Amino acid sequence: MEEQNSIKNGTPVWIWIILIILVVGFGVGGTWYVMDQKVKNSDSKITSLQNQVDTLRKKATTTPTPTTTTIPTTTPTTTTDITANWKTYSGTILGGYSIKYPSSWSAEEANKGINTESVILRRTSNTGADGDYWVDIAQFYGDASTFASVGYGTDITNTTIAGFSAKKANRGASIQSPAQTHYLISHGGKNYLLGILYINASDAVGDQILNTFKFNS
């Protein structure tokens, strides 16, 4: 009966069974192969991403090389005090004062009163008054408003002398010969005149001399 059915159908049953087994086998094998390739591709991508993450972590944790900044050094400027080796003249009026003059010069008291004193500063090499200075110090009983009106000239300017804020009055040779410069300064609640006469001398050196003036108290 089975042989008759096989013959009638034209194909034996066992061939169909083998074909089915082969189809199923190829189907399963193909599916496994495709899935295996996907898994391998996924593993490769994961490995690549992991390597990138590791590289970024290494860069983030790498200690940066410190940069060295060179700070330029400045050499302090030294100022030479040209009066450091000068001589000192000390006066006794007005509570005492001092003034310095070049070491090669001489100082000579010319006039002295209760509240006034004059000192002549001479160059030792001079035989006369040429190039000398006549320094005056006196108490002034007026104030800044009367400074110009008592004969010290109208060329009044504000300045600083010997560390004091001062009024400066110039009386050139056209007003009085020799030329004079007077400074009105205040100290201890009183006003004083600090003046210098230029006897054929330099105004610059005269200012250097006056800038050494100090009250003792």
N, C-alpha and C. Protein backbone atom coordinates (compact mmCIF):
# COMPACT_ATOMS: atom_id res chain seq x y z
N MET A 1 0.84 -1.20 0.00
CA MET A 1 0.00 0.00 0.00
C MET A 1 0.87 1.25 0.00
N GLU A 2 1.95 1.27 0.88
CA GLU A 2 2.85 2.42 0.96
C GLU A 2 3.59 2.59 -0.35
N GLU A 3 4.06 1.51 -0.89
CA GLU A 3 4.76 1.61 -2.15
C GLU A 3 3.85 2.15 -3.22
N GLN A 4 2.60 1.74 -3.21
CA GLN A 4 1.63 2.23 -4.18
C GLN A 4 1.44 3.72 -4.03
N ASN A 5 1.37 4.22 -2.76
CA ASN A 5 1.19 5.66 -2.53
C ASN A 5 2.42 6.42 -3.00
N SER A 6 3.57 5.85 -2.71
CA SER A 6 4.80 6.52 -3.15
C SER A 6 4.88 6.58 -4.64
N ILE A 7 4.53 5.52 -5.25
CA ILE A 7 4.56 5.48 -6.70
C ILE A 7 3.58 6.44 -7.28
N LYS A 8 2.37 6.45 -6.71
CA LYS A 8 1.34 7.36 -7.18
C LYS A 8 1.78 8.80 -7.06
N ASN A 9 2.37 9.12 -6.00
CA ASN A 9 2.81 10.54 -5.79
C ASN A 9 4.06 10.85 -6.59
N GLY A 10 4.82 9.93 -6.91
CA GLY A 10 6.00 10.15 -7.73
C GLY A 10 7.25 10.40 -6.93
N THR A 11 7.22 10.73 -5.62
CA THR A 11 8.38 11.02 -4.77
C THR A 11 8.25 10.24 -3.48
N PRO A 12 9.28 9.53 -3.12
CA PRO A 12 9.22 8.76 -1.87
C PRO A 12 9.08 9.70 -0.65
N VAL A 13 8.48 9.21 0.39
CA VAL A 13 8.24 10.01 1.60
C VAL A 13 9.53 10.35 2.29
N TRP A 14 10.47 9.42 2.26
CA TRP A 14 11.72 9.68 3.01
C TRP A 14 12.53 10.82 2.40
N ILE A 15 12.36 11.04 1.08
CA ILE A 15 13.05 12.18 0.45
C ILE A 15 12.49 13.49 0.98
N TRP A 16 11.17 13.50 1.10
CA TRP A 16 10.53 14.73 1.65
C TRP A 16 11.00 14.99 3.07
N ILE A 17 11.16 13.92 3.79
CA ILE A 17 11.61 14.09 5.19
C ILE A 17 13.02 14.69 5.21
N ILE A 18 13.88 14.18 4.34
CA ILE A 18 15.27 14.70 4.30
C ILE A 18 15.29 16.16 3.86
N LEU A 19 14.48 16.47 2.85
CA LEU A 19 14.42 17.86 2.37
C LEU A 19 13.97 18.81 3.48
N ILE A 20 12.97 18.36 4.22
CA ILE A 20 12.46 19.23 5.32
C ILE A 20 13.56 19.46 6.35
N ILE A 21 14.27 18.32 6.65
CA ILE A 21 15.35 18.45 7.66
C ILE A 21 16.41 19.41 7.16
N LEU A 22 16.80 19.31 5.87
CA LEU A 22 17.82 20.21 5.31
C LEU A 22 17.38 21.66 5.32
N VAL A 23 16.13 21.90 4.96
CA VAL A 23 15.61 23.29 4.93
C VAL A 23 15.63 23.89 6.33
N VAL A 24 15.15 23.05 7.27
CA VAL A 24 15.13 23.55 8.66
C VAL A 24 16.56 23.80 9.14
N GLY A 25 17.49 22.87 8.78
CA GLY A 25 18.88 23.02 9.21
C GLY A 25 19.52 24.28 8.64
N PHE A 26 19.30 24.48 7.32
CA PHE A 26 19.87 25.69 6.72
C PHE A 26 19.26 26.94 7.33
N GLY A 27 17.95 26.86 7.60
CA GLY A 27 17.29 28.03 8.19
C GLY A 27 17.87 28.36 9.54
N VAL A 28 18.01 27.32 10.36
CA VAL A 28 18.56 27.54 11.71
C VAL A 28 20.00 28.01 11.62
N GLY A 29 20.78 27.34 10.75
CA GLY A 29 22.21 27.74 10.60
C GLY A 29 22.36 29.16 10.11
N GLY A 30 21.54 29.53 9.13
CA GLY A 30 21.63 30.90 8.61
C GLY A 30 21.27 31.93 9.66
N THR A 31 20.20 31.60 10.40
CA THR A 31 19.78 32.53 11.47
C THR A 31 20.89 32.68 12.49
N TRP A 32 21.52 31.56 12.87
CA TRP A 32 22.61 31.61 13.88
C TRP A 32 23.78 32.42 13.36
N TYR A 33 24.10 32.22 12.04
CA TYR A 33 25.23 32.94 11.46
C TYR A 33 24.97 34.44 11.45
N VAL A 34 23.76 34.83 11.06
CA VAL A 34 23.42 36.27 11.03
C VAL A 34 23.48 36.85 12.43
N MET A 35 22.92 36.17 13.40
CA MET A 35 22.92 36.67 14.77
C MET A 35 24.34 36.74 15.31
N ASP A 36 25.16 35.74 14.94
CA ASP A 36 26.55 35.73 15.43
C ASP A 36 27.31 36.93 14.86
N GLN A 37 27.09 37.27 13.58
CA GLN A 37 27.76 38.44 12.99
C GLN A 37 27.31 39.73 13.65
N LYS A 38 26.02 39.82 13.98
CA LYS A 38 25.52 41.02 14.66
C LYS A 38 26.16 41.17 16.03
N VAL A 39 26.28 40.02 16.73
CA VAL A 39 26.90 40.06 18.06
C VAL A 39 28.35 40.49 17.95
N LYS A 40 29.07 39.93 16.94
CA LYS A 40 30.47 40.29 16.76
C LYS A 40 30.62 41.77 16.43
N ASN A 41 29.70 42.27 15.54
CA ASN A 41 29.76 43.70 15.20
C ASN A 41 29.49 44.57 16.42
N SER A 42 28.53 44.15 17.24
CA SER A 42 28.20 44.90 18.46
C SER A 42 29.39 44.89 19.42
N ASP A 43 30.02 43.71 19.55
CA ASP A 43 31.20 43.62 20.44
C ASP A 43 32.33 44.53 19.94
N SER A 44 32.48 44.58 18.61
CA SER A 44 33.53 45.43 18.04
C SER A 44 33.25 46.91 18.32
N LYS A 45 31.99 47.33 18.17
CA LYS A 45 31.62 48.71 18.43
C LYS A 45 31.81 49.05 19.90
N ILE A 46 31.40 48.12 20.76
CA ILE A 46 31.54 48.34 22.21
C ILE A 46 33.01 48.48 22.57
N THR A 47 33.84 47.60 22.00
CA THR A 47 35.28 47.67 22.27
C THR A 47 35.87 48.99 21.81
N SER A 48 35.43 49.45 20.62
CA SER A 48 35.92 50.72 20.08
C SER A 48 35.51 51.89 20.98
N LEU A 49 34.24 51.88 21.40
CA LEU A 49 33.76 52.94 22.29
C LEU A 49 34.50 52.91 23.62
N GLN A 50 34.77 51.70 24.15
CA GLN A 50 35.49 51.58 25.42
C GLN A 50 36.90 52.14 25.29
N ASN A 51 37.55 51.88 24.14
CA ASN A 51 38.88 52.41 23.91
C ASN A 51 38.87 53.93 23.86
N GLN A 52 37.84 54.49 23.22
CA GLN A 52 37.73 55.94 23.15
C GLN A 52 37.53 56.55 24.54
N VAL A 53 36.68 55.90 25.34
CA VAL A 53 36.44 56.37 26.72
C VAL A 53 37.72 56.31 27.53
N ASP A 54 38.48 55.20 27.39
CA ASP A 54 39.75 55.07 28.12
C ASP A 54 40.73 56.17 27.71
N THR A 55 40.78 56.46 26.40
CA THR A 55 41.68 57.51 25.91
C THR A 55 41.30 58.87 26.50
N LEU A 56 39.98 59.17 26.53
CA LEU A 56 39.52 60.44 27.09
C LEU A 56 39.83 60.53 28.58
N ARG A 57 39.68 59.40 29.29
CA ARG A 57 39.99 59.40 30.72
C ARG A 57 41.47 59.66 30.97
N LYS A 58 42.32 59.08 30.13
CA LYS A 58 43.76 59.30 30.29
C LYS A 58 44.12 60.76 30.05
N LYS A 59 43.48 61.35 29.03
CA LYS A 59 43.75 62.77 28.76
C LYS A 59 43.28 63.65 29.91
N ALA A 60 42.11 63.26 30.48
CA ALA A 60 41.55 64.08 31.56
C ALA A 60 42.38 63.98 32.83
N THR A 61 43.00 62.82 33.06
CA THR A 61 43.75 62.63 34.30
C THR A 61 45.24 62.92 34.13
N THR A 62 45.67 63.24 32.91
CA THR A 62 47.08 63.56 32.70
C THR A 62 47.42 64.89 33.35
N THR A 63 48.45 64.94 34.17
CA THR A 63 48.85 66.17 34.85
C THR A 63 49.47 67.12 33.83
N PRO A 64 48.89 68.34 33.69
CA PRO A 64 49.44 69.28 32.71
C PRO A 64 50.84 69.73 33.11
N THR A 65 51.66 69.95 32.11
CA THR A 65 53.01 70.43 32.36
C THR A 65 52.96 71.88 32.82
N PRO A 66 53.49 72.18 34.01
CA PRO A 66 53.40 73.57 34.51
C PRO A 66 54.22 74.50 33.63
N THR A 67 53.65 75.71 33.42
CA THR A 67 54.35 76.71 32.63
C THR A 67 55.08 77.66 33.57
N THR A 68 56.27 77.97 33.21
CA THR A 68 57.09 78.86 34.02
C THR A 68 57.00 80.28 33.49
N THR A 69 56.58 81.20 34.38
CA THR A 69 56.46 82.59 34.01
C THR A 69 57.62 83.37 34.60
N THR A 70 58.35 84.02 33.76
CA THR A 70 59.48 84.80 34.23
C THR A 70 59.04 86.22 34.55
N ILE A 71 59.19 86.60 35.81
CA ILE A 71 58.81 87.95 36.24
C ILE A 71 60.03 88.84 36.13
N PRO A 72 59.93 89.89 35.32
CA PRO A 72 61.10 90.76 35.17
C PRO A 72 61.42 91.48 36.47
N THR A 73 62.67 91.53 36.78
CA THR A 73 63.10 92.23 37.98
C THR A 73 63.50 93.65 37.64
N THR A 74 63.11 94.55 38.51
CA THR A 74 63.44 95.95 38.30
C THR A 74 64.53 96.36 39.27
N THR A 75 65.50 97.01 38.75
CA THR A 75 66.60 97.49 39.57
C THR A 75 66.20 98.82 40.19
N PRO A 76 66.19 98.90 41.52
CA PRO A 76 65.79 100.16 42.15
C PRO A 76 66.73 101.29 41.76
N THR A 77 66.10 102.43 41.53
CA THR A 77 66.88 103.59 41.16
C THR A 77 67.43 104.26 42.41
N THR A 78 68.71 104.44 42.43
CA THR A 78 69.33 105.10 43.59
C THR A 78 69.53 106.57 43.28
N THR A 79 69.12 107.39 44.23
CA THR A 79 69.26 108.83 44.09
C THR A 79 70.42 109.30 44.95
N THR A 80 71.34 109.99 44.33
CA THR A 80 72.51 110.46 45.05
C THR A 80 72.18 111.79 45.73
N ASP A 81 72.43 111.86 47.04
CA ASP A 81 72.22 113.09 47.80
C ASP A 81 73.51 113.91 47.71
N ILE A 82 73.45 114.96 46.90
CA ILE A 82 74.68 115.75 46.71
C ILE A 82 75.04 116.56 47.95
N THR A 83 74.09 116.67 48.89
CA THR A 83 74.36 117.46 50.10
C THR A 83 74.85 116.58 51.25
N ALA A 84 75.03 115.28 51.02
CA ALA A 84 75.36 114.36 52.11
C ALA A 84 76.65 114.74 52.81
N ASN A 85 77.62 115.22 52.06
CA ASN A 85 78.92 115.56 52.65
C ASN A 85 79.12 117.06 52.83
N TRP A 86 78.04 117.79 52.79
CA TRP A 86 78.14 119.24 52.99
C TRP A 86 78.35 119.58 54.46
N LYS A 87 78.85 120.78 54.70
CA LYS A 87 78.97 121.28 56.06
C LYS A 87 77.61 121.79 56.55
N THR A 88 77.49 121.97 57.86
CA THR A 88 76.25 122.44 58.45
C THR A 88 76.51 123.70 59.26
N TYR A 89 75.70 124.74 59.00
CA TYR A 89 75.73 125.95 59.82
C TYR A 89 74.53 125.90 60.75
N SER A 90 74.77 126.14 62.04
CA SER A 90 73.70 126.11 63.04
C SER A 90 73.49 127.51 63.59
N GLY A 91 72.26 127.98 63.53
CA GLY A 91 71.90 129.28 64.10
C GLY A 91 71.16 129.10 65.42
N THR A 92 71.18 130.13 66.25
CA THR A 92 70.58 130.01 67.59
C THR A 92 69.27 130.77 67.73
N ILE A 93 68.94 131.65 66.80
CA ILE A 93 67.69 132.40 66.93
C ILE A 93 66.50 131.54 66.54
N LEU A 94 65.33 132.02 66.91
CA LEU A 94 64.07 131.37 66.52
C LEU A 94 64.01 129.92 66.97
N GLY A 95 64.61 129.62 68.11
CA GLY A 95 64.58 128.27 68.65
C GLY A 95 65.64 127.37 68.06
N GLY A 96 66.49 127.92 67.20
CA GLY A 96 67.57 127.14 66.59
C GLY A 96 67.19 126.60 65.23
N TYR A 97 68.16 126.62 64.33
CA TYR A 97 67.94 126.10 62.98
C TYR A 97 69.28 125.66 62.41
N SER A 98 69.25 125.00 61.29
CA SER A 98 70.48 124.59 60.61
C SER A 98 70.28 124.70 59.11
N ILE A 99 71.40 124.89 58.42
CA ILE A 99 71.39 124.93 56.97
C ILE A 99 72.73 124.39 56.49
N LYS A 100 72.71 123.67 55.40
CA LYS A 100 73.94 123.05 54.89
C LYS A 100 74.47 123.82 53.68
N TYR A 101 75.79 123.69 53.47
CA TYR A 101 76.43 124.37 52.35
C TYR A 101 77.61 123.51 51.90
N PRO A 102 78.08 123.69 50.67
CA PRO A 102 79.15 122.83 50.14
C PRO A 102 80.38 122.81 51.04
N SER A 103 81.02 121.66 51.12
CA SER A 103 82.13 121.45 52.05
C SER A 103 83.34 122.32 51.76
N SER A 104 83.48 122.80 50.53
CA SER A 104 84.62 123.65 50.18
C SER A 104 84.34 125.13 50.44
N TRP A 105 83.13 125.43 50.96
CA TRP A 105 82.75 126.82 51.20
C TRP A 105 82.97 127.15 52.67
N SER A 106 82.76 128.44 52.98
CA SER A 106 82.81 128.91 54.37
C SER A 106 81.53 129.65 54.70
N ALA A 107 81.15 129.65 55.97
CA ALA A 107 79.94 130.34 56.43
C ALA A 107 80.35 131.45 57.39
N GLU A 108 79.68 132.59 57.25
CA GLU A 108 80.05 133.76 58.04
C GLU A 108 78.78 134.51 58.47
N GLU A 109 78.64 134.72 59.76
CA GLU A 109 77.50 135.47 60.25
C GLU A 109 77.65 136.93 59.87
N ALA A 110 76.62 137.47 59.20
CA ALA A 110 76.71 138.86 58.71
C ALA A 110 75.85 139.81 59.52
N ASN A 111 74.74 139.34 60.01
CA ASN A 111 73.83 140.22 60.74
C ASN A 111 72.97 139.35 61.65
N LYS A 112 72.76 139.83 62.85
CA LYS A 112 71.97 139.03 63.78
C LYS A 112 71.17 139.94 64.69
N GLY A 113 69.87 139.63 64.81
CA GLY A 113 68.99 140.36 65.70
C GLY A 113 68.23 139.39 66.58
N ILE A 114 67.20 139.92 67.24
CA ILE A 114 66.42 139.05 68.14
C ILE A 114 65.69 137.97 67.34
N ASN A 115 65.07 138.38 66.25
CA ASN A 115 64.29 137.43 65.45
C ASN A 115 64.73 137.40 63.99
N THR A 116 65.99 137.76 63.76
CA THR A 116 66.49 137.74 62.39
C THR A 116 67.97 137.43 62.39
N GLU A 117 68.43 136.80 61.31
CA GLU A 117 69.84 136.48 61.19
C GLU A 117 70.19 136.33 59.71
N SER A 118 71.38 136.77 59.36
CA SER A 118 71.88 136.63 58.00
C SER A 118 73.22 135.90 58.03
N VAL A 119 73.40 135.03 57.05
CA VAL A 119 74.63 134.25 56.95
C VAL A 119 75.14 134.36 55.53
N ILE A 120 76.42 134.68 55.39
CA ILE A 120 77.03 134.70 54.07
C ILE A 120 77.75 133.37 53.84
N LEU A 121 77.43 132.73 52.74
CA LEU A 121 78.09 131.48 52.35
C LEU A 121 79.02 131.80 51.20
N ARG A 122 80.31 131.62 51.44
CA ARG A 122 81.32 132.02 50.45
C ARG A 122 82.04 130.80 49.88
N ARG A 123 82.34 130.91 48.61
CA ARG A 123 83.25 129.96 48.01
C ARG A 123 84.67 130.28 48.48
N THR A 124 85.37 129.30 48.95
CA THR A 124 86.70 129.52 49.52
C THR A 124 87.67 130.08 48.50
N SER A 125 87.47 129.72 47.24
CA SER A 125 88.41 130.15 46.20
C SER A 125 88.21 131.61 45.80
N ASN A 126 87.10 132.22 46.26
CA ASN A 126 86.83 133.60 45.86
C ASN A 126 87.58 134.58 46.76
N THR A 127 88.02 135.65 46.18
CA THR A 127 88.65 136.72 46.96
C THR A 127 87.65 137.80 47.33
N GLY A 128 86.53 137.83 46.64
CA GLY A 128 85.50 138.82 46.94
C GLY A 128 84.16 138.16 47.10
N ALA A 129 83.09 138.90 46.78
CA ALA A 129 81.73 138.41 46.97
C ALA A 129 81.21 137.65 45.75
N ASP A 130 81.98 137.60 44.67
CA ASP A 130 81.51 136.98 43.44
C ASP A 130 81.16 135.51 43.65
N GLY A 131 79.94 135.19 43.31
CA GLY A 131 79.51 133.80 43.41
C GLY A 131 79.09 133.39 44.81
N ASP A 132 78.89 134.33 45.72
CA ASP A 132 78.49 134.00 47.08
C ASP A 132 76.98 134.09 47.24
N TYR A 133 76.51 133.62 48.41
CA TYR A 133 75.08 133.66 48.73
C TYR A 133 74.91 134.33 50.10
N TRP A 134 73.89 135.12 50.18
CA TRP A 134 73.53 135.76 51.43
C TRP A 134 72.19 135.17 51.86
N VAL A 135 72.19 134.36 52.92
CA VAL A 135 70.98 133.67 53.36
C VAL A 135 70.39 134.40 54.55
N ASP A 136 69.09 134.71 54.48
CA ASP A 136 68.38 135.39 55.56
C ASP A 136 67.33 134.46 56.15
N ILE A 137 67.16 134.53 57.45
CA ILE A 137 66.06 133.86 58.15
C ILE A 137 65.50 134.83 59.16
N ALA A 138 64.22 135.05 59.13
CA ALA A 138 63.61 136.03 60.04
C ALA A 138 62.16 135.68 60.27
N GLN A 139 61.65 136.10 61.43
CA GLN A 139 60.22 135.93 61.70
C GLN A 139 59.47 137.01 60.95
N PHE A 140 58.35 136.63 60.34
CA PHE A 140 57.54 137.56 59.55
C PHE A 140 56.23 137.78 60.29
N TYR A 141 55.93 139.03 60.56
CA TYR A 141 54.76 139.33 61.39
C TYR A 141 53.52 139.60 60.56
N GLY A 142 53.64 139.45 59.26
CA GLY A 142 52.46 139.54 58.42
C GLY A 142 51.94 138.16 58.07
N ASP A 143 51.16 138.09 57.02
CA ASP A 143 50.67 136.80 56.54
C ASP A 143 50.78 136.77 55.02
N ALA A 144 50.22 135.75 54.42
CA ALA A 144 50.35 135.59 52.98
C ALA A 144 49.74 136.75 52.21
N SER A 145 48.68 137.35 52.75
CA SER A 145 48.02 138.45 52.04
C SER A 145 48.86 139.72 52.04
N THR A 146 49.74 139.88 53.02
CA THR A 146 50.58 141.08 53.08
C THR A 146 51.99 140.83 52.56
N PHE A 147 52.27 139.59 52.15
CA PHE A 147 53.62 139.22 51.70
C PHE A 147 54.06 140.08 50.52
N ALA A 148 53.18 140.27 49.52
CA ALA A 148 53.54 141.04 48.34
C ALA A 148 53.55 142.53 48.60
N SER A 149 52.76 142.98 49.55
CA SER A 149 52.59 144.43 49.76
C SER A 149 53.71 145.07 50.56
N VAL A 150 54.61 144.29 51.12
CA VAL A 150 55.66 144.87 51.95
C VAL A 150 57.00 144.93 51.20
N GLY A 151 56.94 144.86 49.89
CA GLY A 151 58.14 145.08 49.12
C GLY A 151 58.84 143.84 48.61
N TYR A 152 58.21 142.67 48.69
CA TYR A 152 58.88 141.46 48.22
C TYR A 152 58.56 141.15 46.76
N GLY A 153 57.82 142.04 46.13
CA GLY A 153 57.54 141.87 44.71
C GLY A 153 56.14 141.33 44.46
N THR A 154 55.71 141.43 43.23
CA THR A 154 54.37 140.98 42.85
C THR A 154 54.38 139.60 42.17
N ASP A 155 55.55 139.09 41.90
CA ASP A 155 55.68 137.77 41.27
C ASP A 155 55.64 136.70 42.36
N ILE A 156 54.43 136.41 42.85
CA ILE A 156 54.24 135.47 43.97
C ILE A 156 53.72 134.15 43.41
N THR A 157 54.38 133.06 43.75
CA THR A 157 53.93 131.73 43.31
C THR A 157 53.92 130.77 44.49
N ASN A 158 53.12 129.72 44.38
CA ASN A 158 53.08 128.68 45.39
C ASN A 158 54.14 127.62 45.05
N THR A 159 54.87 127.17 46.06
CA THR A 159 55.92 126.19 45.82
C THR A 159 56.20 125.42 47.11
N THR A 160 57.24 124.63 47.10
CA THR A 160 57.68 123.89 48.29
C THR A 160 59.18 124.12 48.44
N ILE A 161 59.62 124.41 49.66
CA ILE A 161 61.04 124.58 49.94
C ILE A 161 61.36 123.94 51.28
N ALA A 162 62.38 123.14 51.32
CA ALA A 162 62.83 122.47 52.55
C ALA A 162 61.70 121.68 53.22
N GLY A 163 60.79 121.16 52.42
CA GLY A 163 59.67 120.39 52.95
C GLY A 163 58.49 121.22 53.41
N PHE A 164 58.57 122.55 53.29
CA PHE A 164 57.49 123.44 53.70
C PHE A 164 56.72 123.92 52.47
N SER A 165 55.39 123.99 52.61
CA SER A 165 54.60 124.69 51.60
C SER A 165 54.91 126.17 51.75
N ALA A 166 55.17 126.83 50.64
CA ALA A 166 55.67 128.20 50.74
C ALA A 166 55.09 129.09 49.65
N LYS A 167 55.15 130.40 49.92
CA LYS A 167 54.91 131.43 48.93
C LYS A 167 56.28 131.93 48.48
N LYS A 168 56.50 131.97 47.18
CA LYS A 168 57.80 132.37 46.66
C LYS A 168 57.68 133.72 45.97
N ALA A 169 58.59 134.65 46.34
CA ALA A 169 58.62 135.98 45.73
C ALA A 169 60.00 136.21 45.12
N ASN A 170 60.02 136.54 43.85
CA ASN A 170 61.28 136.83 43.16
C ASN A 170 61.43 138.34 43.00
N ARG A 171 62.59 138.81 43.36
CA ARG A 171 62.93 140.21 43.08
C ARG A 171 64.21 140.19 42.26
N GLY A 172 64.04 140.33 40.96
CA GLY A 172 65.18 140.27 40.07
C GLY A 172 66.03 141.52 40.13
N ALA A 173 67.09 141.51 39.33
CA ALA A 173 68.03 142.63 39.34
C ALA A 173 67.38 143.93 38.91
N SER A 174 66.26 143.84 38.15
CA SER A 174 65.58 145.07 37.74
C SER A 174 64.88 145.75 38.90
N ILE A 175 64.58 145.00 39.96
CA ILE A 175 63.95 145.56 41.16
C ILE A 175 65.00 145.86 42.22
N GLN A 176 65.87 144.91 42.40
CA GLN A 176 66.91 145.08 43.41
C GLN A 176 68.15 144.32 42.99
N SER A 177 69.28 144.90 43.19
CA SER A 177 70.54 144.24 42.87
C SER A 177 71.35 144.07 44.16
N PRO A 178 71.84 142.87 44.44
CA PRO A 178 71.69 141.66 43.61
C PRO A 178 70.29 141.07 43.69
N ALA A 179 69.99 140.15 42.78
CA ALA A 179 68.68 139.50 42.75
C ALA A 179 68.43 138.73 44.04
N GLN A 180 67.15 138.68 44.43
CA GLN A 180 66.78 138.00 45.67
C GLN A 180 65.57 137.10 45.44
N THR A 181 65.50 136.07 46.24
CA THR A 181 64.30 135.24 46.31
C THR A 181 63.95 135.03 47.76
N HIS A 182 62.68 135.26 48.11
CA HIS A 182 62.22 135.06 49.48
C HIS A 182 61.08 134.05 49.49
N TYR A 183 61.06 133.24 50.53
CA TYR A 183 60.01 132.25 50.73
C TYR A 183 59.31 132.53 52.05
N LEU A 184 57.99 132.53 52.00
CA LEU A 184 57.19 132.67 53.22
C LEU A 184 56.76 131.28 53.65
N ILE A 185 57.21 130.85 54.83
CA ILE A 185 56.88 129.52 55.34
C ILE A 185 56.25 129.64 56.72
N SER A 186 55.57 128.60 57.15
CA SER A 186 54.93 128.58 58.47
C SER A 186 55.49 127.43 59.28
N HIS A 187 55.70 127.70 60.58
CA HIS A 187 56.23 126.66 61.47
C HIS A 187 55.83 126.99 62.90
N GLY A 188 55.23 126.03 63.58
CA GLY A 188 54.85 126.23 64.98
C GLY A 188 53.85 127.36 65.16
N GLY A 189 52.98 127.58 64.19
CA GLY A 189 51.97 128.63 64.30
C GLY A 189 52.49 130.02 63.98
N LYS A 190 53.73 130.14 63.50
CA LYS A 190 54.32 131.44 63.16
C LYS A 190 54.79 131.42 61.70
N ASN A 191 54.89 132.63 61.14
CA ASN A 191 55.37 132.78 59.77
C ASN A 191 56.83 133.23 59.78
N TYR A 192 57.58 132.73 58.80
CA TYR A 192 58.99 133.07 58.70
C TYR A 192 59.34 133.39 57.25
N LEU A 193 60.36 134.24 57.10
CA LEU A 193 60.92 134.52 55.80
C LEU A 193 62.24 133.79 55.67
N LEU A 194 62.37 133.05 54.60
CA LEU A 194 63.62 132.38 54.28
C LEU A 194 64.06 132.95 52.94
N GLY A 195 65.14 133.73 52.97
CA GLY A 195 65.54 134.43 51.75
C GLY A 195 66.97 134.14 51.37
N ILE A 196 67.27 134.40 50.10
CA ILE A 196 68.63 134.22 49.60
C ILE A 196 68.92 135.28 48.55
N LEU A 197 70.08 135.88 48.66
CA LEU A 197 70.56 136.85 47.68
C LEU A 197 71.61 136.17 46.81
N TYR A 198 71.46 136.33 45.52
CA TYR A 198 72.40 135.71 44.58
C TYR A 198 73.43 136.76 44.16
N ILE A 199 74.63 136.65 44.66
CA ILE A 199 75.70 137.58 44.31
C ILE A 199 76.51 136.96 43.18
N ASN A 200 76.04 137.21 41.95
CA ASN A 200 76.65 136.61 40.77
C ASN A 200 76.73 135.08 40.91
N ALA A 201 75.68 134.50 41.44
CA ALA A 201 75.70 133.07 41.73
C ALA A 201 74.55 132.38 41.00
N SER A 202 74.52 131.04 41.12
CA SER A 202 73.54 130.22 40.41
C SER A 202 72.30 129.98 41.26
N ASP A 203 71.14 130.22 40.66
CA ASP A 203 69.88 130.00 41.36
C ASP A 203 69.71 128.53 41.74
N ALA A 204 70.20 127.60 40.90
CA ALA A 204 70.04 126.16 41.17
C ALA A 204 70.75 125.76 42.45
N VAL A 205 72.00 126.22 42.63
CA VAL A 205 72.73 125.89 43.86
C VAL A 205 72.07 126.54 45.06
N GLY A 206 71.56 127.73 44.87
CA GLY A 206 70.87 128.41 45.96
C GLY A 206 69.67 127.63 46.46
N ASP A 207 68.90 127.06 45.53
CA ASP A 207 67.74 126.25 45.93
C ASP A 207 68.19 124.98 46.66
N GLN A 208 69.30 124.40 46.21
CA GLN A 208 69.83 123.22 46.90
C GLN A 208 70.21 123.57 48.34
N ILE A 209 70.80 124.73 48.54
CA ILE A 209 71.17 125.16 49.89
C ILE A 209 69.93 125.37 50.74
N LEU A 210 68.94 126.11 50.23
CA LEU A 210 67.74 126.40 51.00
C LEU A 210 66.94 125.14 51.32
N ASN A 211 67.02 124.15 50.46
CA ASN A 211 66.28 122.91 50.70
C ASN A 211 66.85 122.09 51.86
N THR A 212 68.01 122.48 52.36
CA THR A 212 68.58 121.78 53.53
C THR A 212 68.18 122.46 54.84
N PHE A 213 67.44 123.56 54.77
CA PHE A 213 67.07 124.31 55.98
C PHE A 213 66.17 123.47 56.88
N LYS A 214 66.45 123.52 58.19
CA LYS A 214 65.63 122.81 59.18
C LYS A 214 65.53 123.63 60.46
N PHE A 215 64.36 123.61 61.08
CA PHE A 215 64.19 124.12 62.44
C PHE A 215 64.63 123.02 63.41
N ASN A 216 65.25 123.42 64.51
CA ASN A 216 65.66 122.42 65.52
C ASN A 216 64.51 121.95 66.38
N SER A 217 63.46 122.70 66.40
CA SER A 217 62.30 122.32 67.23
C SER A 217 61.01 122.70 66.54
